[in-house]
Amino acid sequence: MPTLKQLSIALGLLTSDHAPVPNEDGWKNYVWRVHAAQECLSAEDGYCMLVDDKWDWKRPQYYSFSFRADPKTNSVMSRITLKNEDPDDDDQVCVVAGFLNAAGEEIGIFFANWRALPGRSYTREAPIWLTTDVRDIATVAVGTKQCDVKATADAENFYRIRLELKQR
């Protein structure tokens, strides 16, 4: 008999978008949302919201992912909000975002492992400096999952990919 956690992972993966790189990159058990980014690259007035979804399908626990591209500094500023409306449940939430060019090649990566306390909402921003032109971003694949405090395998995966991309 599967556990509630196994059932939760299976249901989440069934609703996941097909992401172009997660399995090849080593991201395991993430639920993905994949969006074209073209309209976001021309958004001059601030952040472009790409994803507003739940990280836990069975509880009122939400996340959003937005970003702002800056061609002058060749950077991306990511903005993540974790909104935990469950007054009794806290989670460790891993968020990964892969920025891909038109050929489907990863040109930027973001990873965070943040705690979502019961009944609290958090918004944080993090910069990403690309080694290729920020205007080359065609697609963004955003994945989330509940993870443990260290999430060592995911963190190591992020640092490996970041090094391969020569990303600062």
C-alpha atoms as a PDB file:
ATOM      1  CA  MET A   1       0.000   0.000   0.000  1.00  0.00           C
ATOM      2  CA  PRO A   2       1.522   3.382  -0.973  1.00  0.00           C
ATOM      3  CA  THR A   3       2.070   6.006   1.699  1.00  0.00           C
ATOM      4  CA  LEU A   4       0.362   9.395   1.564  1.00  0.00           C
ATOM      5  CA  LYS A   5       3.679  10.958   0.543  1.00  0.00           C
ATOM      6  CA  GLN A   6       4.119   8.487  -2.334  1.00  0.00           C
ATOM      7  CA  LEU A   7       0.529   9.100  -3.457  1.00  0.00           C
ATOM      8  CA  SER A   8       1.076  12.857  -3.268  1.00  0.00           C
ATOM      9  CA  ILE A   9       4.224  12.658  -5.412  1.00  0.00           C
ATOM     10  CA  ALA A  10       2.484  10.428  -7.964  1.00  0.00           C
ATOM     11  CA  LEU A  11      -0.524  12.754  -8.289  1.00  0.00           C
ATOM     12  CA  GLY A  12       1.721  15.787  -8.602  1.00  0.00           C
ATOM     13  CA  LEU A  13       3.814  14.176 -11.312  1.00  0.00           C
ATOM     14  CA  LEU A  14       0.663  13.232 -13.240  1.00  0.00           C
ATOM     15  CA  THR A  15      -0.365  16.898 -13.388  1.00  0.00           C
ATOM     16  CA  SER A  16       3.125  18.085 -14.283  1.00  0.00           C
ATOM     17  CA  ASP A  17       3.894  19.770 -17.599  1.00  0.00           C
ATOM     18  CA  HIS A  18       6.443  18.002 -19.761  1.00  0.00           C
ATOM     19  CA  ALA A  19       9.667  19.833 -18.968  1.00  0.00           C
ATOM     20  CA  PRO A  20      12.426  19.743 -21.571  1.00  0.00           C
ATOM     21  CA  VAL A  21      15.394  19.127 -19.264  1.00  0.00           C
ATOM     22  CA  PRO A  22      14.529  17.931 -15.740  1.00  0.00           C
ATOM     23  CA  ASN A  23      15.254  14.212 -15.983  1.00  0.00           C
ATOM     24  CA  GLU A  24      18.362  14.701 -18.091  1.00  0.00           C
ATOM     25  CA  ASP A  25      19.589  17.278 -15.579  1.00  0.00           C
ATOM     26  CA  GLY A  26      18.905  15.069 -12.563  1.00  0.00           C
ATOM     27  CA  TRP A  27      15.890  16.850 -11.055  1.00  0.00           C
ATOM     28  CA  LYS A  28      13.780  14.108  -9.442  1.00  0.00           C
ATOM     29  CA  ASN A  29      10.139  14.228  -8.274  1.00  0.00           C
ATOM     30  CA  TYR A  30       9.530  17.850  -9.283  1.00  0.00           C
ATOM     31  CA  VAL A  31       6.175  19.030 -10.596  1.00  0.00           C
ATOM     32  CA  TRP A  32       6.860  21.283 -13.595  1.00  0.00           C
ATOM     33  CA  ARG A  33       5.191  24.292 -15.137  1.00  0.00           C
ATOM     34  CA  VAL A  34       6.647  25.295 -18.497  1.00  0.00           C
ATOM     35  CA  HIS A  35       5.929  28.662 -20.125  1.00  0.00           C
ATOM     36  CA  ALA A  36       7.087  30.650 -23.106  1.00  0.00           C
ATOM     37  CA  ALA A  37       9.025  33.680 -21.950  1.00  0.00           C
ATOM     38  CA  GLN A  38       8.891  36.003 -24.960  1.00  0.00           C
ATOM     39  CA  GLU A  39       6.279  38.385 -23.535  1.00  0.00           C
ATOM     40  CA  CYS A  40       8.294  38.568 -20.306  1.00  0.00           C
ATOM     41  CA  LEU A  41      11.442  39.750 -22.082  1.00  0.00           C
ATOM     42  CA  SER A  42       9.685  42.888 -23.281  1.00  0.00           C
ATOM     43  CA  ALA A  43       8.030  43.678 -19.942  1.00  0.00           C
ATOM     44  CA  GLU A  44       9.756  46.934 -19.090  1.00  0.00           C
ATOM     45  CA  ASP A  45       7.556  47.856 -16.146  1.00  0.00           C
ATOM     46  CA  GLY A  46       8.583  45.114 -13.771  1.00  0.00           C
ATOM     47  CA  TYR A  47       8.178  41.441 -13.066  1.00  0.00           C
ATOM     48  CA  CYS A  48       6.406  39.000 -15.336  1.00  0.00           C
ATOM     49  CA  MET A  49       4.379  36.369 -13.471  1.00  0.00           C
ATOM     50  CA  LEU A  50       4.902  32.940 -15.030  1.00  0.00           C
ATOM     51  CA  VAL A  51       3.525  30.520 -12.440  1.00  0.00           C
ATOM     52  CA  ASP A  52       0.974  30.773  -9.652  1.00  0.00           C
ATOM     53  CA  ASP A  53       0.251  27.268  -8.377  1.00  0.00           C
ATOM     54  CA  LYS A  54       0.240  24.945  -5.347  1.00  0.00           C
ATOM     55  CA  TRP A  55       3.307  23.105  -4.114  1.00  0.00           C
ATOM     56  CA  ASP A  56       1.088  20.690  -2.166  1.00  0.00           C
ATOM     57  CA  TRP A  57      -2.130  19.641  -3.903  1.00  0.00           C
ATOM     58  CA  LYS A  58      -3.830  18.536  -0.668  1.00  0.00           C
ATOM     59  CA  ARG A  59      -3.291  21.727   1.370  1.00  0.00           C
ATOM     60  CA  PRO A  60      -3.727  25.481   0.840  1.00  0.00           C
ATOM     61  CA  GLN A  61      -0.025  26.042   0.121  1.00  0.00           C
ATOM     62  CA  TYR A  62       0.896  28.177  -2.899  1.00  0.00           C
ATOM     63  CA  TYR A  63       3.920  29.508  -4.710  1.00  0.00           C
ATOM     64  CA  SER A  64       4.438  32.002  -7.485  1.00  0.00           C
ATOM     65  CA  PHE A  65       7.410  32.532  -9.752  1.00  0.00           C
ATOM     66  CA  SER A  66       8.074  35.783 -11.573  1.00  0.00           C
ATOM     67  CA  PHE A  67      11.121  37.206 -13.248  1.00  0.00           C
ATOM     68  CA  ARG A  68      12.437  40.390 -14.780  1.00  0.00           C
ATOM     69  CA  ALA A  69      15.068  40.374 -17.517  1.00  0.00           C
ATOM     70  CA  ASP A  70      17.585  43.217 -17.763  1.00  0.00           C
ATOM     71  CA  PRO A  71      19.458  43.271 -21.089  1.00  0.00           C
ATOM     72  CA  LYS A  72      21.737  46.096 -19.886  1.00  0.00           C
ATOM     73  CA  THR A  73      23.281  43.937 -17.143  1.00  0.00           C
ATOM     74  CA  ASN A  74      22.489  40.645 -18.897  1.00  0.00           C
ATOM     75  CA  SER A  75      20.760  39.451 -15.753  1.00  0.00           C
ATOM     76  CA  VAL A  76      17.507  37.936 -14.586  1.00  0.00           C
ATOM     77  CA  MET A  77      15.946  38.817 -11.258  1.00  0.00           C
ATOM     78  CA  SER A  78      13.736  35.987 -10.035  1.00  0.00           C
ATOM     79  CA  ARG A  79      10.975  36.543  -7.498  1.00  0.00           C
ATOM     80  CA  ILE A  80       9.452  33.656  -5.563  1.00  0.00           C
ATOM     81  CA  THR A  81       6.542  33.878  -3.162  1.00  0.00           C
ATOM     82  CA  LEU A  82       5.637  31.034  -0.814  1.00  0.00           C
ATOM     83  CA  LYS A  83       2.182  31.432   0.720  1.00  0.00           C
ATOM     84  CA  ASN A  84       1.332  28.831   3.357  1.00  0.00           C
ATOM     85  CA  GLU A  85      -2.320  29.219   4.370  1.00  0.00           C
ATOM     86  CA  ASP A  86      -2.275  25.986   6.390  1.00  0.00           C
ATOM     87  CA  PRO A  87      -2.123  27.020  10.067  1.00  0.00           C
ATOM     88  CA  ASP A  88      -0.750  23.647  11.176  1.00  0.00           C
ATOM     89  CA  ASP A  89       1.696  22.466   8.502  1.00  0.00           C
ATOM     90  CA  ASP A  90       5.150  23.704   7.638  1.00  0.00           C
ATOM     91  CA  ASP A  91       7.164  22.509   4.655  1.00  0.00           C
ATOM     92  CA  GLN A  92      10.593  22.735   3.179  1.00  0.00           C
ATOM     93  CA  VAL A  93      10.018  23.765  -0.467  1.00  0.00           C
ATOM     94  CA  CYS A  94      12.513  23.370  -3.302  1.00  0.00           C
ATOM     95  CA  VAL A  95      12.037  25.562  -6.363  1.00  0.00           C
ATOM     96  CA  VAL A  96      14.093  25.208  -9.541  1.00  0.00           C
ATOM     97  CA  ALA A  97      13.819  27.297 -12.707  1.00  0.00           C
ATOM     98  CA  GLY A  98      15.584  26.447 -15.935  1.00  0.00           C
ATOM     99  CA  PHE A  99      15.903  29.194 -18.534  1.00  0.00           C
ATOM    100  CA  LEU A 100      16.112  27.736 -22.049  1.00  0.00           C
ATOM    101  CA  ASN A 101      16.900  29.177 -25.467  1.00  0.00           C
ATOM    102  CA  ALA A 102      14.905  28.498 -28.657  1.00  0.00           C
ATOM    103  CA  ALA A 103      16.920  25.312 -29.293  1.00  0.00           C
ATOM    104  CA  GLY A 104      15.863  23.959 -25.873  1.00  0.00           C
ATOM    105  CA  GLU A 105      19.338  24.358 -24.372  1.00  0.00           C
ATOM    106  CA  GLU A 106      19.596  25.501 -20.790  1.00  0.00           C
ATOM    107  CA  ILE A 107      21.248  28.926 -20.541  1.00  0.00           C
ATOM    108  CA  GLY A 108      20.420  29.768 -16.927  1.00  0.00           C
ATOM    109  CA  ILE A 109      19.454  28.003 -13.706  1.00  0.00           C
ATOM    110  CA  PHE A 110      17.908  29.036 -10.383  1.00  0.00           C
ATOM    111  CA  PHE A 111      17.457  26.918  -7.260  1.00  0.00           C
ATOM    112  CA  ALA A 112      16.126  27.643  -3.778  1.00  0.00           C
ATOM    113  CA  ASN A 113      15.305  25.516  -0.754  1.00  0.00           C
ATOM    114  CA  TRP A 114      13.157  27.592   1.585  1.00  0.00           C
ATOM    115  CA  ARG A 115      11.072  26.890   4.667  1.00  0.00           C
ATOM    116  CA  ALA A 116       7.365  27.760   4.574  1.00  0.00           C
ATOM    117  CA  LEU A 117       6.086  28.250   8.116  1.00  0.00           C
ATOM    118  CA  PRO A 118       2.395  27.709   8.981  1.00  0.00           C
ATOM    119  CA  GLY A 119       0.149  30.645   8.129  1.00  0.00           C
ATOM    120  CA  ARG A 120       3.006  32.761   6.726  1.00  0.00           C
ATOM    121  CA  SER A 121       3.856  34.272   3.362  1.00  0.00           C
ATOM    122  CA  TYR A 122       7.348  35.061   2.099  1.00  0.00           C
ATOM    123  CA  THR A 123       8.635  36.796  -1.014  1.00  0.00           C
ATOM    124  CA  ARG A 124      12.301  36.706  -1.954  1.00  0.00           C
ATOM    125  CA  GLU A 125      14.296  37.807  -4.953  1.00  0.00           C
ATOM    126  CA  ALA A 126      17.517  36.398  -6.353  1.00  0.00           C
ATOM    127  CA  PRO A 127      19.659  37.572  -9.288  1.00  0.00           C
ATOM    128  CA  ILE A 128      21.037  35.351 -12.042  1.00  0.00           C
ATOM    129  CA  TRP A 129      23.772  36.607 -14.381  1.00  0.00           C
ATOM    130  CA  LEU A 130      23.821  34.755 -17.668  1.00  0.00           C
ATOM    131  CA  THR A 131      26.833  34.151 -19.884  1.00  0.00           C
ATOM    132  CA  THR A 132      24.621  34.271 -22.986  1.00  0.00           C
ATOM    133  CA  ASP A 133      22.322  37.108 -24.048  1.00  0.00           C
ATOM    134  CA  VAL A 134      19.314  37.379 -21.734  1.00  0.00           C
ATOM    135  CA  ARG A 135      17.170  38.031 -24.823  1.00  0.00           C
ATOM    136  CA  ASP A 136      17.844  34.419 -25.862  1.00  0.00           C
ATOM    137  CA  ILE A 137      15.495  33.105 -23.150  1.00  0.00           C
ATOM    138  CA  ALA A 138      12.609  31.415 -24.969  1.00  0.00           C
ATOM    139  CA  THR A 139      11.146  29.119 -22.315  1.00  0.00           C
ATOM    140  CA  VAL A 140      11.194  28.862 -18.533  1.00  0.00           C
ATOM    141  CA  ALA A 141      10.592  25.523 -16.785  1.00  0.00           C
ATOM    142  CA  VAL A 142       9.701  25.959 -13.094  1.00  0.00           C
ATOM    143  CA  GLY A 143       9.613  22.926 -10.820  1.00  0.00           C
ATOM    144  CA  THR A 144       8.653  22.526  -7.161  1.00  0.00           C
ATOM    145  CA  LYS A 145       8.603  19.781  -4.595  1.00  0.00           C
ATOM    146  CA  GLN A 146       8.604  19.301  -0.857  1.00  0.00           C
ATOM    147  CA  CYS A 147      12.142  18.474   0.167  1.00  0.00           C
ATOM    148  CA  ASP A 148      14.254  18.014   3.247  1.00  0.00           C
ATOM    149  CA  VAL A 149      16.248  20.731   4.964  1.00  0.00           C
ATOM    150  CA  LYS A 150      19.527  19.897   3.244  1.00  0.00           C
ATOM    151  CA  ALA A 151      18.249  18.635  -0.137  1.00  0.00           C
ATOM    152  CA  THR A 152      21.885  17.735  -0.762  1.00  0.00           C
ATOM    153  CA  ALA A 153      21.357  15.983  -4.108  1.00  0.00           C
ATOM    154  CA  ASP A 154      19.339  18.910  -5.473  1.00  0.00           C
ATOM    155  CA  ALA A 155      21.835  21.501  -4.233  1.00  0.00           C
ATOM    156  CA  GLU A 156      24.741  19.547  -5.745  1.00  0.00           C
ATOM    157  CA  ASN A 157      22.808  19.253  -8.993  1.00  0.00           C
ATOM    158  CA  PHE A 158      22.263  23.032  -9.069  1.00  0.00           C
ATOM    159  CA  TYR A 159      25.935  23.824  -8.448  1.00  0.00           C
ATOM    160  CA  ARG A 160      27.026  21.327 -11.114  1.00  0.00           C
ATOM    161  CA  ILE A 161      24.700  22.839 -13.735  1.00  0.00           C
ATOM    162  CA  ARG A 162      25.591  26.382 -12.702  1.00  0.00           C
ATOM    163  CA  LEU A 163      29.285  25.588 -13.139  1.00  0.00           C
ATOM    164  CA  GLU A 164      28.663  23.984 -16.549  1.00  0.00           C
ATOM    165  CA  LEU A 165      26.796  27.125 -17.648  1.00  0.00           C
ATOM    166  CA  LYS A 166      29.564  29.369 -16.213  1.00  0.00           C
ATOM    167  CA  GLN A 167      26.794  31.256 -14.471  1.00  0.00           C
ATOM    168  CA  ARG A 168      27.625  33.736 -11.728  1.00  0.00           C
END
